[in-house]
Every structure is written in C-alpha cells, then in structure tokens.
C-alpha atoms as a PDB file:
ATOM      1  CA  MET A   1      -6.964 -34.087   5.039  1.00  0.00           C
ATOM      2  CA  ALA A   2      -7.377 -30.469   6.139  1.00  0.00           C
ATOM      3  CA  GLN A   3      -4.549 -27.956   6.055  1.00  0.00           C
ATOM      4  CA  ASN A   4      -2.800 -27.199   9.327  1.00  0.00           C
ATOM      5  CA  ILE A   5      -2.676 -23.400   9.263  1.00  0.00           C
ATOM      6  CA  THR A   6      -0.349 -22.302  12.055  1.00  0.00           C
ATOM      7  CA  LYS A   7      -0.798 -18.535  11.732  1.00  0.00           C
ATOM      8  CA  ASN A   8      -3.936 -16.774  10.614  1.00  0.00           C
ATOM      9  CA  VAL A   9      -4.208 -13.580   8.577  1.00  0.00           C
ATOM     10  CA  LYS A  10      -5.182 -11.437  11.573  1.00  0.00           C
ATOM     11  CA  GLU A  11      -2.028 -12.569  13.382  1.00  0.00           C
ATOM     12  CA  MET A  12       0.100 -11.827  10.318  1.00  0.00           C
ATOM     13  CA  VAL A  13      -1.396  -8.337   9.970  1.00  0.00           C
ATOM     14  CA  ALA A  14      -0.934  -7.660  13.694  1.00  0.00           C
ATOM     15  CA  GLU A  15       2.723  -8.739  13.493  1.00  0.00           C
ATOM     16  CA  ALA A  16       3.284  -6.563  10.420  1.00  0.00           C
ATOM     17  CA  ASN A  17       1.722  -3.570  12.164  1.00  0.00           C
ATOM     18  CA  GLN A  18       4.233  -3.943  15.010  1.00  0.00           C
ATOM     19  CA  GLU A  19       7.109  -3.543  12.548  1.00  0.00           C
ATOM     20  CA  ILE A  20       5.857  -0.858  10.171  1.00  0.00           C
ATOM     21  CA  THR A  21       4.715   2.743  10.373  1.00  0.00           C
ATOM     22  CA  THR A  22       1.021   3.577  10.109  1.00  0.00           C
ATOM     23  CA  VAL A  23      -0.030   7.055   8.994  1.00  0.00           C
ATOM     24  CA  SER A  24      -3.376   8.745   9.548  1.00  0.00           C
ATOM     25  CA  ILE A  25      -5.735   9.914   6.835  1.00  0.00           C
ATOM     26  CA  GLN A  26      -5.148  13.483   8.035  1.00  0.00           C
ATOM     27  CA  ASP A  27      -1.384  13.120   7.534  1.00  0.00           C
ATOM     28  CA  VAL A  28      -1.754  11.516   4.113  1.00  0.00           C
ATOM     29  CA  THR A  29      -3.973  14.326   2.828  1.00  0.00           C
ATOM     30  CA  LYS A  30      -0.926  16.581   3.305  1.00  0.00           C
ATOM     31  CA  LEU A  31       1.270  14.187   1.283  1.00  0.00           C
ATOM     32  CA  VAL A  32      -0.877  13.889  -1.835  1.00  0.00           C
ATOM     33  CA  ASP A  33       1.042  16.609  -3.682  1.00  0.00           C
ATOM     34  CA  SER A  34       4.428  15.852  -2.095  1.00  0.00           C
ATOM     35  CA  ASP A  35       7.272  15.093  -4.494  1.00  0.00           C
ATOM     36  CA  GLN A  36       9.002  13.233  -1.651  1.00  0.00           C
ATOM     37  CA  HIS A  37       6.291  10.579  -1.315  1.00  0.00           C
ATOM     38  CA  VAL A  38       4.875   7.868  -3.541  1.00  0.00           C
ATOM     39  CA  ILE A  39       1.377   6.783  -2.579  1.00  0.00           C
ATOM     40  CA  VAL A  40       0.818   3.224  -3.775  1.00  0.00           C
ATOM     41  CA  ASP A  41      -2.649   1.723  -4.273  1.00  0.00           C
ATOM     42  CA  LEU A  42      -2.478  -2.066  -3.908  1.00  0.00           C
ATOM     43  CA  ARG A  43      -6.071  -2.810  -4.878  1.00  0.00           C
ATOM     44  CA  ASP A  44      -6.901  -4.593  -8.097  1.00  0.00           C
ATOM     45  CA  ILE A  45      -8.152  -2.720 -11.136  1.00  0.00           C
ATOM     46  CA  ARG A  46     -11.802  -3.678 -10.504  1.00  0.00           C
ATOM     47  CA  GLU A  47     -11.648  -1.987  -7.085  1.00  0.00           C
ATOM     48  CA  LEU A  48     -10.075   1.136  -8.567  1.00  0.00           C
ATOM     49  CA  LYS A  49     -12.670   1.397 -11.335  1.00  0.00           C
ATOM     50  CA  ARG A  50     -15.492   0.891  -8.860  1.00  0.00           C
ATOM     51  CA  SER A  51     -14.309   3.292  -6.141  1.00  0.00           C
ATOM     52  CA  GLY A  52     -11.598   5.534  -7.577  1.00  0.00           C
ATOM     53  CA  LYS A  53      -8.271   6.177  -5.859  1.00  0.00           C
ATOM     54  CA  ILE A  54      -6.326   8.721  -3.876  1.00  0.00           C
ATOM     55  CA  PRO A  55      -5.368  11.487  -6.339  1.00  0.00           C
ATOM     56  CA  GLY A  56      -2.003  10.805  -7.945  1.00  0.00           C
ATOM     57  CA  ALA A  57      -1.607   7.358  -6.372  1.00  0.00           C
ATOM     58  CA  PHE A  58       0.418   4.794  -8.304  1.00  0.00           C
ATOM     59  CA  SER A  59      -1.460   1.553  -8.963  1.00  0.00           C
ATOM     60  CA  CYS A  60       0.445  -1.622  -8.106  1.00  0.00           C
ATOM     61  CA  PRO A  61      -1.604  -4.812  -7.753  1.00  0.00           C
ATOM     62  CA  ARG A  62      -0.603  -6.510  -4.487  1.00  0.00           C
ATOM     63  CA  GLY A  63       0.459  -9.672  -6.301  1.00  0.00           C
ATOM     64  CA  MET A  64       3.102  -7.774  -8.295  1.00  0.00           C
ATOM     65  CA  LEU A  65       4.641  -5.650  -5.520  1.00  0.00           C
ATOM     66  CA  GLU A  66       7.740  -7.697  -4.741  1.00  0.00           C
ATOM     67  CA  PHE A  67       8.431  -8.221  -8.461  1.00  0.00           C
ATOM     68  CA  TRP A  68       8.085  -4.510  -9.211  1.00  0.00           C
ATOM     69  CA  ILE A  69      10.328  -3.521  -6.275  1.00  0.00           C
ATOM     70  CA  ASP A  70      13.208  -5.904  -7.057  1.00  0.00           C
ATOM     71  CA  PRO A  71      15.655  -4.279  -9.521  1.00  0.00           C
ATOM     72  CA  ALA A  72      16.820  -7.760 -10.584  1.00  0.00           C
ATOM     73  CA  SER A  73      13.289  -8.785 -11.552  1.00  0.00           C
ATOM     74  CA  PRO A  74      12.266  -8.623 -15.211  1.00  0.00           C
ATOM     75  CA  TYR A  75       9.099  -6.882 -13.951  1.00  0.00           C
ATOM     76  CA  HIS A  76      10.907  -4.119 -12.019  1.00  0.00           C
ATOM     77  CA  LYS A  77       9.322  -0.652 -12.133  1.00  0.00           C
ATOM     78  CA  GLU A  78      11.593   2.382 -11.782  1.00  0.00           C
ATOM     79  CA  ILE A  79       9.034   4.121  -9.566  1.00  0.00           C
ATOM     80  CA  PHE A  80      10.305   1.845  -6.768  1.00  0.00           C
ATOM     81  CA  ASN A  81      13.913   2.928  -7.344  1.00  0.00           C
ATOM     82  CA  GLN A  82      13.649   6.453  -5.925  1.00  0.00           C
ATOM     83  CA  ASP A  83      14.831   8.079  -2.733  1.00  0.00           C
ATOM     84  CA  LYS A  84      11.292   8.744  -1.523  1.00  0.00           C
ATOM     85  CA  THR A  85       8.896   7.596   1.186  1.00  0.00           C
ATOM     86  CA  TYR A  86       6.438   4.931   0.029  1.00  0.00           C
ATOM     87  CA  VAL A  87       2.936   5.001   1.481  1.00  0.00           C
ATOM     88  CA  PHE A  88       0.858   1.895   0.755  1.00  0.00           C
ATOM     89  CA  TYR A  89      -2.889   1.437   0.985  1.00  0.00           C
ATOM     90  CA  CYS A  90      -5.587  -1.062   0.123  1.00  0.00           C
ATOM     91  CA  ALA A  91      -9.278  -1.182   1.004  1.00  0.00           C
ATOM     92  CA  SER A  92      -9.038  -1.855   4.747  1.00  0.00           C
ATOM     93  CA  ALA A  93      -5.323  -1.718   5.675  1.00  0.00           C
ATOM     94  CA  TRP A  94      -4.749  -5.492   5.776  1.00  0.00           C
ATOM     95  CA  ARG A  95      -3.049  -6.018   2.415  1.00  0.00           C
ATOM     96  CA  SER A  96      -1.166  -2.763   2.874  1.00  0.00           C
ATOM     97  CA  ALA A  97       0.197  -3.839   6.275  1.00  0.00           C
ATOM     98  CA  LEU A  98       1.528  -7.067   4.756  1.00  0.00           C
ATOM     99  CA  ALA A  99       2.804  -5.207   1.681  1.00  0.00           C
ATOM    100  CA  ALA A 100       4.591  -2.536   3.709  1.00  0.00           C
ATOM    101  CA  LYS A 101       6.276  -5.226   5.794  1.00  0.00           C
ATOM    102  CA  ALA A 102       7.314  -7.160   2.670  1.00  0.00           C
ATOM    103  CA  ALA A 103       8.676  -3.988   1.043  1.00  0.00           C
ATOM    104  CA  GLN A 104      10.543  -3.078   4.225  1.00  0.00           C
ATOM    105  CA  ASP A 105      11.928  -6.637   4.490  1.00  0.00           C
ATOM    106  CA  MET A 106      13.211  -6.259   0.908  1.00  0.00           C
ATOM    107  CA  GLY A 107      15.043  -3.076   1.897  1.00  0.00           C
ATOM    108  CA  LEU A 108      12.684  -0.437   0.502  1.00  0.00           C
ATOM    109  CA  ARG A 109      12.722   2.382   3.048  1.00  0.00           C
ATOM    110  CA  PRO A 110      11.073   4.357   4.356  1.00  0.00           C
ATOM    111  CA  VAL A 111       7.668   2.743   3.959  1.00  0.00           C
ATOM    112  CA  SER A 112       4.351   3.091   5.740  1.00  0.00           C
ATOM    113  CA  HIS A 113       0.686   2.344   5.231  1.00  0.00           C
ATOM    114  CA  ILE A 114      -2.545   4.247   5.674  1.00  0.00           C
ATOM    115  CA  GLU A 115      -4.627   3.590   8.769  1.00  0.00           C
ATOM    116  CA  GLY A 116      -8.035   2.272   7.725  1.00  0.00           C
ATOM    117  CA  GLY A 117      -7.119   2.124   4.031  1.00  0.00           C
ATOM    118  CA  PHE A 118      -9.217   3.531   1.220  1.00  0.00           C
ATOM    119  CA  THR A 119     -12.418   2.852   3.169  1.00  0.00           C
ATOM    120  CA  ALA A 120     -11.291   5.352   5.828  1.00  0.00           C
ATOM    121  CA  TRP A 121     -10.133   7.742   3.098  1.00  0.00           C
ATOM    122  CA  GLU A 122     -13.614   7.706   1.522  1.00  0.00           C
ATOM    123  CA  LYS A 123     -15.345   8.153   4.896  1.00  0.00           C
ATOM    124  CA  SER A 124     -13.161  11.165   5.654  1.00  0.00           C
ATOM    125  CA  GLY A 125     -14.495  12.981   2.595  1.00  0.00           C
ATOM    126  CA  ALA A 126     -10.994  13.418   1.151  1.00  0.00           C
ATOM    127  CA  ALA A 127     -10.601  13.881  -2.609  1.00  0.00           C
ATOM    128  CA  ILE A 128     -10.975  10.838  -4.860  1.00  0.00           C
ATOM    129  CA  GLU A 129      -9.675  10.499  -8.405  1.00  0.00           C
ATOM    130  CA  GLU A 130     -11.845   8.576 -10.835  1.00  0.00           C
ATOM    131  CA  VAL A 131     -10.249   5.594 -12.589  1.00  0.00           C
ATOM    132  CA  LYS A 132     -11.489   4.698 -16.063  1.00  0.00           C
END
C-alpha cells in the first residue's frame, strides 16, 4: 500500500517562507564579518568539501539542528546559546527554509535564511572558504 502524503515538500517550504525572514546575497555579504550574526551552513560535509562554504560559516548538518539548539539536549552546542541573529543556508534554500522555521518554532530568534542558498552565493561571485 502506498503512503498517503498529505503535504509535499514544496508546500512545506512555501509555508515556512511565509513565516520566516529571507535575506539577499547582497545583504549577507555585509554580515560575513559581523560579530552579531552567526551564519549556519546546513549542508552535509560532502557538500562542504566539494564546494566550500561562506567564509566563517558554522557547519551544522541539518539532521542535528534541533538537537544542537536545545539546551536540554545532550548534543547542545553553545554557539546556539548567544544573543545573535542566526542566518541559515543550504544549497538551494529549501532545507534552510525548513530549518529556520524549526529554529524559530523552538524559540531561537532572530533567525533568517539566505535567498537562493549557496548556489546563489556561488553565482554571485562572493568569497568562498575552502573546506578540507
């Protein structure tokens, strides 16, 4: 028997985008060196090694985000316990939309995600940090 999926991924991303803030590549280039922002790369390590990342971005695999945010979790990371703005990105801004909504639903604020993701970042010619 086939699954009865009642909401598809595109619908989930569209709903998330209605509730979260999206920032442009141009705006994010100004935040790279900001001590008031944490740029969070949600892609897995293979993607980072293949393509690099936004300079100074913190790597958090999407599957660990909620566990790393929650201070009661044994996996909690202190980087998510700061009074800063969190800017999420992935390859194409789908995972980051869902992640930003999840983080916001957990109470992490303010959060946003990058329009077009790392693909748009690369196309813009912005700086990329190599990941080894």
